[in-house]
Amino acid sequence: MKKSIFKNRLNWVIATGVVCLLGGCESTYYKTMETIGYHKRDIMVDRVQDARDAQEEAKDQFESALEKFSTVLNFQGGDLEEKYDQLKTEYDASEKKAQAVRLRIDEVEDVAEDLFVEWQEELNQYTSSSLRKSSSRKLAETKRQYAKLIGAMKRAEQKIDPVLDAFRDQVLYLKHNLNARAIASLQSELVSIESDVAKLIREMEASIREANSFISSMEKT
């Protein structure tokens, strides 16, 4: 419900948020969001969800790109220029999805750092030692869960470049060698590409599971 309210009210703060983010004034952005009851914890959950969704979209795109590359490399006749255009389109779409994943992971890291600093500082404001200890334990547990999450996200992110590099090489080679012989020479690279994509998909699926687990744990506490 809170997220729905946030989405509905987003237009109210978007101008201030954009200006602040462009200007680097994160603290003003957080204060603005707090005026509608949306704190760093909520922002963090929201950004983890966005990062998870970006990885799911990227996973689907890389699977689609591999299927297209496999089809083109099993060329049995037709317009080679059209085949090149198809591969270029798939590569461009994959690059766009990869950039979205990187951006979302960066956003998660930014808010996590700010949240943990604030949480640690606020421990000193408690007058109740029992509540302070309880909050401290929750902070430690959240940090532990976050470490697993960001580790999984980073491992998935690191698998992206080898796949993009391989796709780019294929596209560049075909750009200047639009003939059946060029297609045949690229077929030897297909097994390696399939292996790299399989590794990427496994890491992304692991990262998505960690994101779901993290979101669930944050919503329960």
Protein backbone atom coordinates (compact mmCIF):
# COMPACT_ATOMS: atom_id res chain seq x y z
CA MET A 1 0.00 0.00 0.00
CA LYS A 2 2.80 2.41 0.91
CA LYS A 3 4.50 1.84 -2.43
CA SER A 4 1.23 2.49 -4.25
CA ILE A 5 0.79 5.75 -2.36
CA PHE A 6 4.34 6.67 -3.21
CA LYS A 7 3.81 6.05 -6.91
CA ASN A 8 0.64 8.11 -6.92
CA ARG A 9 2.34 11.03 -5.21
CA LEU A 10 5.55 10.85 -7.19
CA ASN A 11 4.56 13.70 -9.50
CA TRP A 12 4.45 15.94 -6.45
CA VAL A 13 8.13 15.46 -5.73
CA ILE A 14 9.60 14.57 -9.10
CA ALA A 15 10.73 18.09 -9.98
CA THR A 16 12.53 18.49 -6.66
CA GLY A 17 13.92 14.96 -6.86
CA VAL A 18 15.34 15.40 -10.35
CA VAL A 19 16.92 18.74 -9.51
CA CYS A 20 18.45 17.34 -6.34
CA LEU A 21 19.77 14.20 -7.95
CA LEU A 22 21.33 16.18 -10.79
CA GLY A 23 22.84 18.53 -8.26
CA GLY A 24 24.04 15.72 -6.03
CA CYS A 25 22.00 16.84 -3.00
CA GLU A 26 20.90 13.39 -1.83
CA SER A 27 20.08 14.68 1.64
CA THR A 28 17.50 17.10 0.25
CA TYR A 29 16.04 14.33 -1.89
CA TYR A 30 15.67 12.08 1.18
CA LYS A 31 14.04 14.87 3.19
CA THR A 32 11.63 15.54 0.35
CA MET A 33 10.67 11.87 0.21
CA GLU A 34 10.23 11.77 3.97
CA THR A 35 7.57 14.46 3.72
CA ILE A 36 5.34 11.85 2.04
CA GLY A 37 6.30 9.16 4.54
CA TYR A 38 8.89 7.47 2.35
CA HIS A 39 12.13 6.86 4.26
CA LYS A 40 15.53 5.46 3.26
CA ARG A 41 14.43 1.97 4.20
CA ASP A 42 11.44 2.22 1.84
CA ILE A 43 13.60 3.73 -0.89
CA MET A 44 16.10 0.91 -0.50
CA VAL A 45 13.41 -1.77 -0.88
CA ASP A 46 12.04 0.07 -3.90
CA ARG A 47 15.48 0.27 -5.52
CA VAL A 48 16.20 -3.40 -4.86
CA GLN A 49 12.92 -4.22 -6.57
CA ASP A 50 13.93 -2.02 -9.52
CA ALA A 51 17.35 -3.72 -9.72
CA ARG A 52 15.69 -7.14 -9.61
CA ASP A 53 13.27 -6.16 -12.38
CA ALA A 54 16.13 -4.77 -14.48
CA GLN A 55 18.00 -8.05 -14.14
CA GLU A 56 14.92 -10.05 -15.10
CA GLU A 57 14.50 -7.91 -18.22
CA ALA A 58 18.20 -8.21 -19.05
CA LYS A 59 18.07 -11.99 -18.59
CA ASP A 60 15.17 -12.24 -21.04
CA GLN A 61 16.94 -9.98 -23.52
CA PHE A 62 20.21 -11.92 -23.43
CA GLU A 63 18.31 -15.17 -23.94
CA SER A 64 16.51 -13.59 -26.90
CA ALA A 65 19.78 -12.29 -28.33
CA LEU A 66 21.45 -15.70 -28.05
CA GLU A 67 18.52 -17.32 -29.85
CA LYS A 68 18.78 -14.74 -32.65
CA PHE A 69 22.55 -15.13 -32.92
CA SER A 70 22.19 -18.91 -33.06
CA THR A 71 19.59 -18.60 -35.82
CA VAL A 72 21.74 -16.26 -37.90
CA LEU A 73 24.87 -18.37 -37.49
CA ASN A 74 22.92 -21.37 -38.79
CA PHE A 75 22.34 -19.32 -41.93
CA GLN A 76 20.77 -21.33 -44.75
CA GLY A 77 20.21 -18.55 -47.24
CA GLY A 78 18.46 -15.20 -47.38
CA ASP A 79 19.31 -11.53 -47.11
CA LEU A 80 22.61 -11.15 -45.21
CA GLU A 81 22.06 -7.44 -44.74
CA GLU A 82 18.80 -8.23 -42.99
CA LYS A 83 20.56 -10.80 -40.79
CA TYR A 84 23.15 -8.22 -39.80
CA ASP A 85 20.42 -5.70 -38.94
CA GLN A 86 18.73 -8.27 -36.72
CA LEU A 87 21.93 -8.97 -34.82
CA LYS A 88 22.71 -5.28 -34.45
CA THR A 89 19.23 -4.69 -33.05
CA GLU A 90 19.67 -7.51 -30.52
CA TYR A 91 23.11 -6.25 -29.50
CA ASP A 92 21.85 -2.68 -29.02
CA ALA A 93 18.92 -3.91 -26.94
CA SER A 94 21.26 -6.05 -24.82
CA GLU A 95 23.59 -3.11 -24.22
CA LYS A 96 20.65 -0.95 -23.15
CA LYS A 97 19.44 -3.56 -20.67
CA ALA A 98 22.98 -3.98 -19.33
CA GLN A 99 23.25 -0.24 -18.70
CA ALA A 100 19.94 -0.33 -16.83
CA VAL A 101 21.23 -3.14 -14.60
CA ARG A 102 24.42 -1.22 -13.77
CA LEU A 103 22.47 1.93 -12.98
CA ARG A 104 20.03 0.14 -10.70
CA ILE A 105 22.81 -1.61 -8.79
CA ASP A 106 24.58 1.73 -8.28
CA GLU A 107 21.36 3.20 -6.93
CA VAL A 108 20.98 0.33 -4.46
CA GLU A 109 24.54 0.85 -3.23
CA ASP A 110 24.01 4.59 -2.78
CA VAL A 111 20.89 4.32 -0.63
CA ALA A 112 22.26 1.34 1.34
CA GLU A 113 25.33 3.31 2.36
CA ASP A 114 23.21 6.29 3.44
CA LEU A 115 20.73 4.10 5.30
CA PHE A 116 23.39 2.27 7.29
CA VAL A 117 25.19 5.48 8.24
CA GLU A 118 21.93 7.02 9.46
CA TRP A 119 20.93 3.85 11.32
CA GLN A 120 24.29 3.63 13.09
CA GLU A 121 24.20 7.29 14.12
CA GLU A 122 20.68 7.01 15.46
CA LEU A 123 21.65 4.18 17.80
CA ASN A 124 23.24 6.81 20.03
CA GLN A 125 19.90 8.58 20.39
CA TYR A 126 18.24 5.76 22.34
CA THR A 127 17.74 6.17 26.07
CA SER A 128 16.58 2.55 26.36
CA SER A 129 19.53 0.19 26.28
CA SER A 130 17.32 -2.78 25.39
CA LEU A 131 15.82 -1.01 22.39
CA ARG A 132 19.26 0.19 21.31
CA LYS A 133 20.61 -3.36 21.45
CA SER A 134 17.63 -4.69 19.54
CA SER A 135 18.03 -2.06 16.83
CA SER A 136 21.76 -2.73 16.69
CA ARG A 137 21.13 -6.44 16.14
CA LYS A 138 18.66 -5.65 13.37
CA LEU A 139 21.19 -3.34 11.75
CA ALA A 140 23.84 -6.06 11.83
CA GLU A 141 21.43 -8.60 10.35
CA THR A 142 20.32 -6.21 7.61
CA LYS A 143 23.95 -5.51 6.74
CA ARG A 144 24.62 -9.25 6.54
CA GLN A 145 21.65 -9.80 4.24
CA TYR A 146 22.63 -6.80 2.15
CA ALA A 147 26.19 -8.12 1.76
CA LYS A 148 24.78 -11.34 0.28
CA LEU A 149 22.49 -9.37 -2.00
CA ILE A 150 25.05 -6.93 -3.38
CA GLY A 151 27.58 -9.73 -3.75
CA ALA A 152 25.14 -11.68 -5.94
CA MET A 153 24.29 -8.57 -7.95
CA LYS A 154 27.95 -7.78 -8.54
CA ARG A 155 28.74 -11.33 -9.63
CA ALA A 156 25.91 -11.16 -12.17
CA GLU A 157 27.07 -7.75 -13.35
CA GLN A 158 30.60 -9.06 -13.93
CA LYS A 159 29.25 -11.73 -16.27
CA ILE A 160 27.62 -9.18 -18.56
CA ASP A 161 30.70 -7.77 -20.29
CA PRO A 162 32.03 -11.08 -21.69
CA VAL A 163 28.66 -11.68 -23.34
CA LEU A 164 28.38 -8.15 -24.70
CA ASP A 165 31.96 -8.32 -25.98
CA ALA A 166 31.21 -11.55 -27.84
CA PHE A 167 28.00 -10.15 -29.33
CA ARG A 168 29.81 -6.96 -30.36
CA ASP A 169 32.58 -8.94 -32.06
CA GLN A 170 30.01 -10.90 -34.06
CA VAL A 171 28.20 -7.75 -35.15
CA LEU A 172 31.38 -5.91 -36.11
CA TYR A 173 32.70 -8.85 -38.07
CA LEU A 174 29.51 -9.25 -40.05
CA LYS A 175 29.33 -5.52 -40.70
CA HIS A 176 32.40 -5.76 -42.90
CA ASN A 177 32.03 -9.35 -44.09
CA LEU A 178 28.49 -9.88 -45.31
CA ASN A 179 28.92 -13.26 -46.93
CA ALA A 180 28.23 -16.90 -46.20
CA ARG A 181 31.91 -17.59 -45.51
CA ALA A 182 31.88 -15.01 -42.72
CA ILE A 183 28.85 -16.67 -41.18
CA ALA A 184 30.64 -20.01 -41.25
CA SER A 185 33.75 -18.56 -39.61
CA LEU A 186 31.69 -17.21 -36.74
CA GLN A 187 30.01 -20.52 -36.00
CA SER A 188 33.08 -21.71 -34.10
CA GLU A 189 32.45 -18.92 -31.56
CA LEU A 190 28.88 -20.00 -30.84
CA VAL A 191 29.73 -22.63 -28.22
CA SER A 192 31.77 -20.11 -26.23
CA ILE A 193 28.99 -17.54 -26.44
CA GLU A 194 26.40 -20.06 -25.30
CA SER A 195 28.61 -20.93 -22.32
CA ASP A 196 29.04 -17.27 -21.36
CA VAL A 197 25.30 -16.60 -21.64
CA ALA A 198 24.52 -19.67 -19.53
CA LYS A 199 26.88 -18.42 -16.81
CA LEU A 200 25.30 -14.97 -16.94
CA ILE A 201 21.77 -16.38 -16.68
CA ARG A 202 22.72 -18.53 -13.68
CA GLU A 203 24.24 -15.57 -11.84
CA MET A 204 21.28 -13.33 -12.67
CA GLU A 205 18.81 -15.92 -11.43
CA ALA A 206 20.82 -16.26 -8.21
CA SER A 207 20.85 -12.48 -7.83
CA ILE A 208 17.10 -12.28 -8.42
CA ARG A 209 16.53 -14.89 -5.71
CA GLU A 210 18.70 -12.92 -3.29
CA ALA A 211 16.76 -9.75 -4.13
CA ASN A 212 13.45 -11.47 -3.42
CA SER A 213 14.80 -12.82 -0.14
CA PHE A 214 16.11 -9.40 0.88
CA ILE A 215 12.83 -7.68 0.01
CA SER A 216 10.90 -10.26 2.01
CA SER A 217 13.14 -9.86 5.05
CA MET A 218 12.88 -6.06 4.95
CA GLU A 219 9.10 -6.19 4.71
CA LYS A 220 8.85 -8.50 7.74
CA THR A 221 10.89 -6.27 10.07
